[in-house]
Protein backbone atom coordinates (compact mmCIF):
# COMPACT_ATOMS: atom_id res chain seq x y z
CA UNK A 1 -3.91 82.38 33.19
CA UNK A 2 -3.82 78.68 32.37
CA UNK A 3 -0.37 77.42 31.39
CA UNK A 4 -0.19 74.08 29.60
CA UNK A 5 3.22 72.90 30.82
CA UNK A 6 2.69 69.38 29.51
CA UNK A 7 2.76 70.77 25.93
CA UNK A 8 6.04 72.67 26.28
CA UNK A 9 8.90 71.18 24.23
CA UNK A 10 12.66 71.70 24.01
CA UNK A 11 15.41 70.15 21.92
CA UNK A 12 19.16 70.86 21.81
CA UNK A 13 21.64 69.99 19.05
CA UNK A 14 25.37 70.21 18.60
CA UNK A 15 27.71 69.98 15.63
CA UNK A 16 31.45 70.31 16.22
CA UNK A 17 31.76 73.82 17.68
CA UNK A 18 28.17 74.95 17.01
CA UNK A 19 25.03 74.58 19.10
CA UNK A 20 21.34 75.07 18.38
CA UNK A 21 18.25 74.83 20.57
CA UNK A 22 14.55 75.22 19.95
CA UNK A 23 11.71 75.58 22.47
CA UNK A 24 7.93 75.73 22.27
CA UNK A 25 6.52 77.46 25.34
CA UNK A 26 4.07 80.08 26.52
CA UNK A 27 4.89 83.65 27.47
CA UNK A 28 3.44 85.56 30.43
CA UNK A 29 0.23 86.22 28.51
CA UNK A 30 -0.34 82.58 27.57
CA UNK A 31 0.60 83.04 23.90
CA UNK A 32 2.63 80.29 22.23
CA UNK A 33 6.23 81.19 21.39
CA UNK A 34 8.92 79.34 19.44
CA UNK A 35 12.33 80.37 20.80
CA UNK A 36 15.44 79.46 18.80
CA UNK A 37 19.01 79.96 20.02
CA UNK A 38 22.27 79.24 18.17
CA UNK A 39 25.94 80.09 18.18
CA UNK A 40 29.41 78.81 19.02
CA UNK A 41 29.70 76.37 21.91
CA UNK A 42 32.57 78.39 23.44
CA UNK A 43 30.76 81.74 23.21
CA UNK A 44 29.00 83.14 26.26
CA UNK A 45 26.18 84.53 24.14
CA UNK A 46 24.83 83.51 20.78
CA UNK A 47 21.90 84.71 18.76
CA UNK A 48 18.23 84.08 19.30
CA UNK A 49 14.90 84.48 17.58
CA UNK A 50 11.34 84.42 18.97
CA UNK A 51 8.32 83.68 16.83
CA UNK A 52 4.84 84.36 18.23
CA UNK A 53 2.15 81.86 17.23
CA UNK A 54 -1.62 82.09 17.41
CA UNK A 55 -2.11 78.37 18.09
CA UNK A 56 -0.13 75.50 19.55
CA UNK A 57 -0.36 73.56 16.28
CA UNK A 58 1.32 76.43 14.43
CA UNK A 59 4.20 76.41 16.94
CA UNK A 60 4.59 72.63 16.57
CA UNK A 61 4.79 72.96 12.80
CA UNK A 62 7.67 75.44 13.14
CA UNK A 63 9.36 73.22 15.76
CA UNK A 64 9.11 70.14 13.51
CA UNK A 65 10.59 72.12 10.61
CA UNK A 66 13.56 73.09 12.77
CA UNK A 67 14.07 69.44 13.83
CA UNK A 68 14.13 68.29 10.19
CA UNK A 69 16.54 71.07 9.20
CA UNK A 70 18.97 70.27 12.03
CA UNK A 71 18.96 66.57 11.12
CA UNK A 72 19.58 67.33 7.42
CA UNK A 73 22.53 69.55 8.35
CA UNK A 74 24.21 66.87 10.44
CA UNK A 75 23.52 68.12 13.97
CA UNK A 76 23.28 65.51 16.71
CA UNK A 77 21.04 65.61 19.79
CA UNK A 78 22.74 67.03 22.82
């Protein structure tokens, strides 16, 4: 298995009492995964969503879409 750690990305945002994070990484099988987590800052657990991607470029496209959406909605980098 050949992990490409230099391509992994992560970004965190915060808006008042809400938080959001997005990661591009590989799972144990080397497949690219986009992991999104969100919820209240004070909550122990929030919600999450994983999207499996066939290629790194596909995962980056999803990641960039999340970045644009967070900026439009007024979230700041954490």
